[in-house]
C-alpha cells in the first residue's frame, strides 16, 4: 500500500472535527484515512497545553520532510569513534 501524506485540506478537517470532539474513528471515516493515521497526526502535532492547529501541523510536516532519513545516517561518518565501534567492535 503506497504512503500518501496528509493534505492541508485533510488537516483542516481533522482540526475542526477534533475540536468538535469527534472520535478518532469517526474522523478517519470522514477523511477516508486509517484511524492510526489520525491518531498519530494528533499525537505528533498536539502540544501538552495547546490544541491541534492545522496550519502549524502543515508547517511542521514540511519541516520534517526536509530532513531525509538518509541524511541522518550519513552523519555517522563524521563520528569516527562510533564508526570504529560499529565496524570493528571496539
C-alpha atoms as a PDB file:
ATOM      1  CA  UNK A   1       0.000   0.000   0.000  1.00  0.00           C
ATOM      2  CA  UNK A   2       1.567   3.308  -1.036  1.00  0.00           C
ATOM      3  CA  UNK A   3       2.081   6.024   1.522  1.00  0.00           C
ATOM      4  CA  UNK A   4       0.427   9.384   0.950  1.00  0.00           C
ATOM      5  CA  UNK A   5       0.966  12.476   3.069  1.00  0.00           C
ATOM      6  CA  UNK A   6      -1.979  14.265   4.589  1.00  0.00           C
ATOM      7  CA  UNK A   7      -3.090  17.251   2.560  1.00  0.00           C
ATOM      8  CA  UNK A   8      -3.735  20.692   4.067  1.00  0.00           C
ATOM      9  CA  UNK A   9      -7.472  20.176   3.440  1.00  0.00           C
ATOM     10  CA  UNK A  10      -7.411  16.898   5.387  1.00  0.00           C
ATOM     11  CA  UNK A  11      -5.574  18.573   8.253  1.00  0.00           C
ATOM     12  CA  UNK A  12      -8.187  21.344   8.224  1.00  0.00           C
ATOM     13  CA  UNK A  13     -10.987  18.776   8.526  1.00  0.00           C
ATOM     14  CA  UNK A  14      -9.127  16.896  11.260  1.00  0.00           C
ATOM     15  CA  UNK A  15      -8.653  20.097  13.251  1.00  0.00           C
ATOM     16  CA  UNK A  16     -12.293  21.124  13.109  1.00  0.00           C
ATOM     17  CA  UNK A  17     -13.677  17.656  13.807  1.00  0.00           C
ATOM     18  CA  UNK A  18     -11.201  17.167  16.668  1.00  0.00           C
ATOM     19  CA  UNK A  19     -12.204  20.494  18.210  1.00  0.00           C
ATOM     20  CA  UNK A  20     -15.861  19.373  17.952  1.00  0.00           C
ATOM     21  CA  UNK A  21     -14.903  16.255  19.972  1.00  0.00           C
ATOM     22  CA  UNK A  22     -15.466  13.726  17.179  1.00  0.00           C
ATOM     23  CA  UNK A  23     -13.872  10.347  17.834  1.00  0.00           C
ATOM     24  CA  UNK A  24     -10.674   9.397  16.021  1.00  0.00           C
ATOM     25  CA  UNK A  25     -12.501   6.583  14.213  1.00  0.00           C
ATOM     26  CA  UNK A  26     -15.252   8.909  13.001  1.00  0.00           C
ATOM     27  CA  UNK A  27     -12.707  11.475  11.804  1.00  0.00           C
ATOM     28  CA  UNK A  28     -10.845   8.698   9.977  1.00  0.00           C
ATOM     29  CA  UNK A  29     -14.030   7.547   8.244  1.00  0.00           C
ATOM     30  CA  UNK A  30     -14.925  11.072   7.156  1.00  0.00           C
ATOM     31  CA  UNK A  31     -11.420  11.839   5.848  1.00  0.00           C
ATOM     32  CA  UNK A  32     -11.057   8.337   4.354  1.00  0.00           C
ATOM     33  CA  UNK A  33      -7.876   7.517   6.282  1.00  0.00           C
ATOM     34  CA  UNK A  34      -6.859   4.855   8.775  1.00  0.00           C
ATOM     35  CA  UNK A  35      -7.635   5.629  12.431  1.00  0.00           C
ATOM     36  CA  UNK A  36      -3.961   5.085  13.274  1.00  0.00           C
ATOM     37  CA  UNK A  37      -3.022   7.843  10.808  1.00  0.00           C
ATOM     38  CA  UNK A  38      -5.357  10.298  12.517  1.00  0.00           C
ATOM     39  CA  UNK A  39      -4.180   9.230  15.962  1.00  0.00           C
ATOM     40  CA  UNK A  40      -0.506   9.679  15.021  1.00  0.00           C
ATOM     41  CA  UNK A  41      -1.215  13.055  13.405  1.00  0.00           C
ATOM     42  CA  UNK A  42      -2.961  14.319  16.529  1.00  0.00           C
ATOM     43  CA  UNK A  43      -0.270  12.941  18.844  1.00  0.00           C
ATOM     44  CA  UNK A  44       2.558  14.344  16.728  1.00  0.00           C
ATOM     45  CA  UNK A  45       1.132  17.851  16.358  1.00  0.00           C
ATOM     46  CA  UNK A  46      -0.766  18.456  19.586  1.00  0.00           C
ATOM     47  CA  UNK A  47       1.118  20.014  22.461  1.00  0.00           C
ATOM     48  CA  UNK A  48       0.636  19.253  26.110  1.00  0.00           C
ATOM     49  CA  UNK A  49      -1.213  22.524  26.684  1.00  0.00           C
ATOM     50  CA  UNK A  50      -2.063  23.514  23.116  1.00  0.00           C
ATOM     51  CA  UNK A  51      -4.731  22.217  20.743  1.00  0.00           C
ATOM     52  CA  UNK A  52      -4.185  20.824  17.253  1.00  0.00           C
ATOM     53  CA  UNK A  53      -3.695  23.667  14.757  1.00  0.00           C
ATOM     54  CA  UNK A  54      -3.847  22.550  11.138  1.00  0.00           C
ATOM     55  CA  UNK A  55      -1.648  25.345   9.754  1.00  0.00           C
ATOM     56  CA  UNK A  56       1.114  24.666  12.291  1.00  0.00           C
ATOM     57  CA  UNK A  57       0.819  20.937  11.663  1.00  0.00           C
ATOM     58  CA  UNK A  58       1.319  21.544   7.938  1.00  0.00           C
ATOM     59  CA  UNK A  59       4.414  23.672   8.591  1.00  0.00           C
ATOM     60  CA  UNK A  60       5.896  21.054  10.934  1.00  0.00           C
ATOM     61  CA  UNK A  61       5.228  18.310   8.385  1.00  0.00           C
ATOM     62  CA  UNK A  62       7.024  20.287   5.684  1.00  0.00           C
ATOM     63  CA  UNK A  63       9.996  20.814   8.005  1.00  0.00           C
ATOM     64  CA  UNK A  64      10.161  17.087   8.785  1.00  0.00           C
ATOM     65  CA  UNK A  65      10.108  16.255   5.067  1.00  0.00           C
ATOM     66  CA  UNK A  66      13.250  18.336   4.518  1.00  0.00           C
ATOM     67  CA  UNK A  67      15.247  16.136   6.893  1.00  0.00           C
ATOM     68  CA  UNK A  68      15.654  12.935   4.940  1.00  0.00           C
ATOM     69  CA  UNK A  69      16.445   9.753   6.820  1.00  0.00           C
ATOM     70  CA  UNK A  70      19.462   9.019   4.651  1.00  0.00           C
ATOM     71  CA  UNK A  71      20.962  12.350   5.761  1.00  0.00           C
ATOM     72  CA  UNK A  72      20.670  11.239   9.366  1.00  0.00           C
ATOM     73  CA  UNK A  73      22.514   8.015   8.530  1.00  0.00           C
ATOM     74  CA  UNK A  74      25.279   9.892   6.722  1.00  0.00           C
ATOM     75  CA  UNK A  75      26.100  11.785   9.920  1.00  0.00           C
ATOM     76  CA  UNK A  76      27.629   8.606  11.356  1.00  0.00           C
ATOM     77  CA  UNK A  77      30.589   9.105   9.012  1.00  0.00           C
ATOM     78  CA  UNK A  78      31.560  12.240  10.936  1.00  0.00           C
ATOM     79  CA  UNK A  79      31.772  10.342  14.214  1.00  0.00           C
ATOM     80  CA  UNK A  80      34.824   8.105  13.739  1.00  0.00           C
ATOM     81  CA  UNK A  81      34.688   6.621  17.252  1.00  0.00           C
ATOM     82  CA  UNK A  82      31.153   5.396  16.696  1.00  0.00           C
ATOM     83  CA  UNK A  83      32.015   4.153  13.220  1.00  0.00           C
ATOM     84  CA  UNK A  84      35.021   2.201  14.551  1.00  0.00           C
ATOM     85  CA  UNK A  85      32.896   0.733  17.322  1.00  0.00           C
ATOM     86  CA  UNK A  86      30.252  -0.436  14.864  1.00  0.00           C
ATOM     87  CA  UNK A  87      32.631  -1.797  12.240  1.00  0.00           C
ATOM     88  CA  UNK A  88      35.421  -3.203  14.388  1.00  0.00           C
ATOM     89  CA  UNK A  89      33.550  -3.832  17.624  1.00  0.00           C
ATOM     90  CA  UNK A  90      35.994  -1.984  19.862  1.00  0.00           C
END
